[in-house]
Amino acid sequence: MGIFDKFRNQAKGSKGKDMSDAAERKANEKSGNKYESQVDEAQRRVEGQLGMDRDRPEQP
């Protein structure tokens, strides 16, 4: 099981969102916020692919 499989399994709960936010912060930190808009767009796309739409309420 790869890292993305683990992320996908945990993506449905708040832990997945926390992991996504942490990855975004780390990427922005490493790039000195130079690519902040691209990192944000990538985060939204990945979350969308995993069914983690932040606009929708969490599913039980």
PDB file of N, CA and C in Angstrom:
ATOM      1  N   MET A   1       0.855  -1.182   0.000  1.00  0.00           N
ATOM      2  CA  MET A   1       0.000   0.000   0.000  1.00  0.00           C
ATOM      3  C   MET A   1       0.896   1.238   0.000  1.00  0.00           C
ATOM      4  N   GLY A   2       0.674   2.103  -0.970  1.00  0.00           N
ATOM      5  CA  GLY A   2       1.477   3.304  -1.096  1.00  0.00           C
ATOM      6  C   GLY A   2       0.941   4.445  -0.248  1.00  0.00           C
ATOM      7  N   ILE A   3       1.686   5.525  -0.245  1.00  0.00           N
ATOM      8  CA  ILE A   3       1.311   6.684   0.563  1.00  0.00           C
ATOM      9  C   ILE A   3      -0.010   7.283   0.079  1.00  0.00           C
ATOM     10  N   PHE A   4      -0.266   7.250  -1.219  1.00  0.00           N
ATOM     11  CA  PHE A   4      -1.505   7.823  -1.731  1.00  0.00           C
ATOM     12  C   PHE A   4      -2.706   6.951  -1.373  1.00  0.00           C
ATOM     13  N   ASP A   5      -2.498   5.647  -1.277  1.00  0.00           N
ATOM     14  CA  ASP A   5      -3.573   4.757  -0.847  1.00  0.00           C
ATOM     15  C   ASP A   5      -3.949   5.052   0.598  1.00  0.00           C
ATOM     16  N   LYS A   6      -2.955   5.273   1.432  1.00  0.00           N
ATOM     17  CA  LYS A   6      -3.215   5.610   2.836  1.00  0.00           C
ATOM     18  C   LYS A   6      -3.965   6.937   2.925  1.00  0.00           C
ATOM     19  N   PHE A   7      -3.522   7.905   2.120  1.00  0.00           N
ATOM     20  CA  PHE A   7      -4.166   9.213   2.111  1.00  0.00           C
ATOM     21  C   PHE A   7      -5.617   9.090   1.658  1.00  0.00           C
ATOM     22  N   ARG A   8      -5.853   8.305   0.618  1.00  0.00           N
ATOM     23  CA  ARG A   8      -7.204   8.130   0.094  1.00  0.00           C
ATOM     24  C   ARG A   8      -8.110   7.496   1.148  1.00  0.00           C
ATOM     25  N   ASN A   9      -7.607   6.514   1.877  1.00  0.00           N
ATOM     26  CA  ASN A   9      -8.404   5.846   2.907  1.00  0.00           C
ATOM     27  C   ASN A   9      -8.760   6.793   4.047  1.00  0.00           C
ATOM     28  N   GLN A  10      -7.887   7.733   4.339  1.00  0.00           N
ATOM     29  CA  GLN A  10      -8.128   8.654   5.442  1.00  0.00           C
ATOM     30  C   GLN A  10      -8.770   9.957   4.984  1.00  0.00           C
ATOM     31  N   ALA A  11      -8.945  10.112   3.687  1.00  0.00           N
ATOM     32  CA  ALA A  11      -9.412  11.373   3.124  1.00  0.00           C
ATOM     33  C   ALA A  11     -10.844  11.708   3.507  1.00  0.00           C
ATOM     34  N   LYS A  12     -11.625  10.735   3.806  1.00  0.00           N
ATOM     35  CA  LYS A  12     -13.036  10.993   4.083  1.00  0.00           C
ATOM     36  C   LYS A  12     -13.258  11.740   5.388  1.00  0.00           C
ATOM     37  N   GLY A  13     -12.361  11.633   6.324  1.00  0.00           N
ATOM     38  CA  GLY A  13     -12.522  12.287   7.621  1.00  0.00           C
ATOM     39  C   GLY A  13     -11.722  13.565   7.710  1.00  0.00           C
ATOM     40  N   SER A  14     -11.756  14.156   8.878  1.00  0.00           N
ATOM     41  CA  SER A  14     -11.034  15.406   9.073  1.00  0.00           C
ATOM     42  C   SER A  14      -9.524  15.187   9.044  1.00  0.00           C
ATOM     43  N   LYS A  15      -9.073  13.961   9.319  1.00  0.00           N
ATOM     44  CA  LYS A  15      -7.639  13.683   9.278  1.00  0.00           C
ATOM     45  C   LYS A  15      -7.090  13.883   7.866  1.00  0.00           C
ATOM     46  N   GLY A  16      -7.850  13.491   6.871  1.00  0.00           N
ATOM     47  CA  GLY A  16      -7.431  13.695   5.486  1.00  0.00           C
ATOM     48  C   GLY A  16      -7.282  15.165   5.155  1.00  0.00           C
ATOM     49  N   LYS A  17      -8.197  15.977   5.623  1.00  0.00           N
ATOM     50  CA  LYS A  17      -8.123  17.417   5.383  1.00  0.00           C
ATOM     51  C   LYS A  17      -6.932  18.016   6.109  1.00  0.00           C
ATOM     52  N   ASP A  18      -6.676  17.525   7.329  1.00  0.00           N
ATOM     53  CA  ASP A  18      -5.517  17.995   8.081  1.00  0.00           C
ATOM     54  C   ASP A  18      -4.223  17.642   7.353  1.00  0.00           C
ATOM     55  N   MET A  19      -4.164  16.422   6.812  1.00  0.00           N
ATOM     56  CA  MET A  19      -2.981  15.992   6.073  1.00  0.00           C
ATOM     57  C   MET A  19      -2.803  16.836   4.814  1.00  0.00           C
ATOM     58  N   SER A  20      -3.887  17.130   4.133  1.00  0.00           N
ATOM     59  CA  SER A  20      -3.839  17.940   2.927  1.00  0.00           C
ATOM     60  C   SER A  20      -3.353  19.352   3.240  1.00  0.00           C
ATOM     61  N   ASP A  21      -3.867  19.923   4.319  1.00  0.00           N
ATOM     62  CA  ASP A  21      -3.448  21.266   4.727  1.00  0.00           C
ATOM     63  C   ASP A  21      -1.981  21.283   5.126  1.00  0.00           C
ATOM     64  N   ALA A  22      -1.528  20.238   5.816  1.00  0.00           N
ATOM     65  CA  ALA A  22      -0.131  20.161   6.218  1.00  0.00           C
ATOM     66  C   ALA A  22       0.782  20.066   5.005  1.00  0.00           C
ATOM     67  N   ALA A  23       0.375  19.287   4.017  1.00  0.00           N
ATOM     68  CA  ALA A  23       1.172  19.169   2.788  1.00  0.00           C
ATOM     69  C   ALA A  23       1.227  20.507   2.058  1.00  0.00           C
ATOM     70  N   GLU A  24       0.106  21.210   2.041  1.00  0.00           N
ATOM     71  CA  GLU A  24       0.082  22.521   1.388  1.00  0.00           C
ATOM     72  C   GLU A  24       1.009  23.506   2.113  1.00  0.00           C
ATOM     73  N   ARG A  25       0.936  23.521   3.432  1.00  0.00           N
ATOM     74  CA  ARG A  25       1.804  24.419   4.211  1.00  0.00           C
ATOM     75  C   ARG A  25       3.283  24.108   3.966  1.00  0.00           C
ATOM     76  N   LYS A  26       3.613  22.810   3.947  1.00  0.00           N
ATOM     77  CA  LYS A  26       5.000  22.396   3.757  1.00  0.00           C
ATOM     78  C   LYS A  26       5.500  22.809   2.365  1.00  0.00           C
ATOM     79  N   ALA A  27       4.675  22.602   1.345  1.00  0.00           N
ATOM     80  CA  ALA A  27       5.062  22.987  -0.017  1.00  0.00           C
ATOM     81  C   ALA A  27       5.257  24.494  -0.116  1.00  0.00           C
ATOM     82  N   ASN A  28       4.365  25.254   0.505  1.00  0.00           N
ATOM     83  CA  ASN A  28       4.497  26.710   0.481  1.00  0.00           C
ATOM     84  C   ASN A  28       5.732  27.157   1.255  1.00  0.00           C
ATOM     85  N   GLU A  29       6.008  26.490   2.367  1.00  0.00           N
ATOM     86  CA  GLU A  29       7.178  26.819   3.173  1.00  0.00           C
ATOM     87  C   GLU A  29       8.467  26.561   2.387  1.00  0.00           C
ATOM     88  N   LYS A  30       8.534  25.404   1.723  1.00  0.00           N
ATOM     89  CA  LYS A  30       9.732  25.038   0.957  1.00  0.00           C
ATOM     90  C   LYS A  30       9.971  25.977  -0.219  1.00  0.00           C
ATOM     91  N   SER A  31       8.890  26.482  -0.818  1.00  0.00           N
ATOM     92  CA  SER A  31       9.030  27.354  -1.990  1.00  0.00           C
ATOM     93  C   SER A  31       9.027  28.832  -1.618  1.00  0.00           C
ATOM     94  N   GLY A  32       8.952  29.123  -0.331  1.00  0.00           N
ATOM     95  CA  GLY A  32       8.898  30.516   0.094  1.00  0.00           C
ATOM     96  C   GLY A  32       7.646  31.219  -0.392  1.00  0.00           C
ATOM     97  N   ASN A  33       6.555  30.482  -0.492  1.00  0.00           N
ATOM     98  CA  ASN A  33       5.259  30.979  -0.966  1.00  0.00           C
ATOM     99  C   ASN A  33       5.315  31.506  -2.399  1.00  0.00           C
ATOM    100  N   LYS A  34       6.369  31.163  -3.125  1.00  0.00           N
ATOM    101  CA  LYS A  34       6.518  31.625  -4.499  1.00  0.00           C
ATOM    102  C   LYS A  34       5.453  31.028  -5.414  1.00  0.00           C
ATOM    103  N   TYR A  35       5.036  29.795  -5.125  1.00  0.00           N
ATOM    104  CA  TYR A  35       4.064  29.095  -5.958  1.00  0.00           C
ATOM    105  C   TYR A  35       2.764  28.831  -5.208  1.00  0.00           C
ATOM    106  N   GLU A  36       2.394  29.749  -4.344  1.00  0.00           N
ATOM    107  CA  GLU A  36       1.235  29.550  -3.467  1.00  0.00           C
ATOM    108  C   GLU A  36      -0.049  29.278  -4.246  1.00  0.00           C
ATOM    109  N   SER A  37      -0.298  30.017  -5.309  1.00  0.00           N
ATOM    110  CA  SER A  37      -1.546  29.815  -6.054  1.00  0.00           C
ATOM    111  C   SER A  37      -1.554  28.466  -6.767  1.00  0.00           C
ATOM    112  N   GLN A  38      -0.390  28.035  -7.284  1.00  0.00           N
ATOM    113  CA  GLN A  38      -0.313  26.736  -7.950  1.00  0.00           C
ATOM    114  C   GLN A  38      -0.483  25.600  -6.944  1.00  0.00           C
ATOM    115  N   VAL A  39       0.098  25.750  -5.760  1.00  0.00           N
ATOM    116  CA  VAL A  39      -0.031  24.728  -4.717  1.00  0.00           C
ATOM    117  C   VAL A  39      -1.488  24.627  -4.270  1.00  0.00           C
ATOM    118  N   ASP A  40      -2.145  25.769  -4.121  1.00  0.00           N
ATOM    119  CA  ASP A  40      -3.548  25.782  -3.713  1.00  0.00           C
ATOM    120  C   ASP A  40      -4.420  25.102  -4.759  1.00  0.00           C
ATOM    121  N   GLU A  41      -4.177  25.406  -6.021  1.00  0.00           N
ATOM    122  CA  GLU A  41      -4.948  24.782  -7.107  1.00  0.00           C
ATOM    123  C   GLU A  41      -4.717  23.269  -7.137  1.00  0.00           C
ATOM    124  N   ALA A  42      -3.475  22.851  -6.951  1.00  0.00           N
ATOM    125  CA  ALA A  42      -3.172  21.412  -6.927  1.00  0.00           C
ATOM    126  C   ALA A  42      -3.877  20.734  -5.756  1.00  0.00           C
ATOM    127  N   GLN A  43      -3.892  21.383  -4.608  1.00  0.00           N
ATOM    128  CA  GLN A  43      -4.575  20.820  -3.438  1.00  0.00           C
ATOM    129  C   GLN A  43      -6.066  20.654  -3.726  1.00  0.00           C
ATOM    130  N   ARG A  44      -6.681  21.658  -4.325  1.00  0.00           N
ATOM    131  CA  ARG A  44      -8.109  21.568  -4.647  1.00  0.00           C
ATOM    132  C   ARG A  44      -8.396  20.444  -5.637  1.00  0.00           C
ATOM    133  N   ARG A  45      -7.532  20.279  -6.613  1.00  0.00           N
ATOM    134  CA  ARG A  45      -7.730  19.215  -7.605  1.00  0.00           C
ATOM    135  C   ARG A  45      -7.602  17.833  -6.977  1.00  0.00           C
ATOM    136  N   VAL A  46      -6.584  17.650  -6.153  1.00  0.00           N
ATOM    137  CA  VAL A  46      -6.391  16.351  -5.498  1.00  0.00           C
ATOM    138  C   VAL A  46      -7.566  16.048  -4.584  1.00  0.00           C
ATOM    139  N   GLU A  47      -7.973  17.020  -3.794  1.00  0.00           N
ATOM    140  CA  GLU A  47      -9.110  16.815  -2.899  1.00  0.00           C
ATOM    141  C   GLU A  47     -10.375  16.497  -3.687  1.00  0.00           C
ATOM    142  N   GLY A  48     -10.561  17.139  -4.823  1.00  0.00           N
ATOM    143  CA  GLY A  48     -11.717  16.850  -5.659  1.00  0.00           C
ATOM    144  C   GLY A  48     -11.689  15.426  -6.187  1.00  0.00           C
ATOM    145  N   GLN A  49     -10.510  14.965  -6.610  1.00  0.00           N
ATOM    146  CA  GLN A  49     -10.369  13.603  -7.108  1.00  0.00           C
ATOM    147  C   GLN A  49     -10.634  12.571  -6.023  1.00  0.00           C
ATOM    148  N   LEU A  50     -10.323  12.930  -4.786  1.00  0.00           N
ATOM    149  CA  LEU A  50     -10.514  12.009  -3.667  1.00  0.00           C
ATOM    150  C   LEU A  50     -11.892  12.153  -3.023  1.00  0.00           C
ATOM    151  N   GLY A  51     -12.700  13.055  -3.546  1.00  0.00           N
ATOM    152  CA  GLY A  51     -14.037  13.243  -3.003  1.00  0.00           C
ATOM    153  C   GLY A  51     -14.043  14.017  -1.699  1.00  0.00           C
ATOM    154  N   MET A  52     -13.084  14.905  -1.541  1.00  0.00           N
ATOM    155  CA  MET A  52     -12.964  15.691  -0.309  1.00  0.00           C
ATOM    156  C   MET A  52     -13.414  17.127  -0.526  1.00  0.00           C
ATOM    157  N   ASP A  53     -14.423  17.333  -1.314  1.00  0.00           N
ATOM    158  CA  ASP A  53     -14.887  18.682  -1.615  1.00  0.00           C
ATOM    159  C   ASP A  53     -15.122  19.456  -0.330  1.00  0.00           C
ATOM    160  N   ARG A  54     -14.439  20.559  -0.156  1.00  0.00           N
ATOM    161  CA  ARG A  54     -14.581  21.344   1.074  1.00  0.00           C
ATOM    162  C   ARG A  54     -15.886  22.135   1.098  1.00  0.00           C
ATOM    163  N   ASP A  55     -16.514  22.275  -0.056  1.00  0.00           N
ATOM    164  CA  ASP A  55     -17.778  23.006  -0.107  1.00  0.00           C
ATOM    165  C   ASP A  55     -18.948  22.159   0.374  1.00  0.00           C
ATOM    166  N   ARG A  56     -18.792  20.841   0.325  1.00  0.00           N
ATOM    167  CA  ARG A  56     -19.851  19.941   0.765  1.00  0.00           C
ATOM    168  C   ARG A  56     -19.653  19.579   2.230  1.00  0.00           C
ATOM    169  N   PRO A  57     -20.732  19.392   2.971  1.00  0.00           N
ATOM    170  CA  PRO A  57     -20.586  18.931   4.359  1.00  0.00           C
ATOM    171  C   PRO A  57     -20.058  17.504   4.378  1.00  0.00           C
ATOM    172  N   GLU A  58     -19.400  17.148   5.494  1.00  0.00           N
ATOM    173  CA  GLU A  58     -18.846  15.797   5.622  1.00  0.00           C
ATOM    174  C   GLU A  58     -19.944  14.753   5.620  1.00  0.00           C
ATOM    175  N   GLN A  59     -19.677  13.641   4.959  1.00  0.00           N
ATOM    176  CA  GLN A  59     -20.625  12.533   4.902  1.00  0.00           C
ATOM    177  C   GLN A  59     -20.338  11.593   6.069  1.00  0.00           C
ATOM    178  N   PRO A  60     -21.389  11.101   6.733  1.00  0.00           N
ATOM    179  CA  PRO A  60     -21.145  10.178   7.866  1.00  0.00           C
ATOM    180  C   PRO A  60     -20.620   8.840   7.413  1.00  0.00           C
TER     181      PRO A  60
END
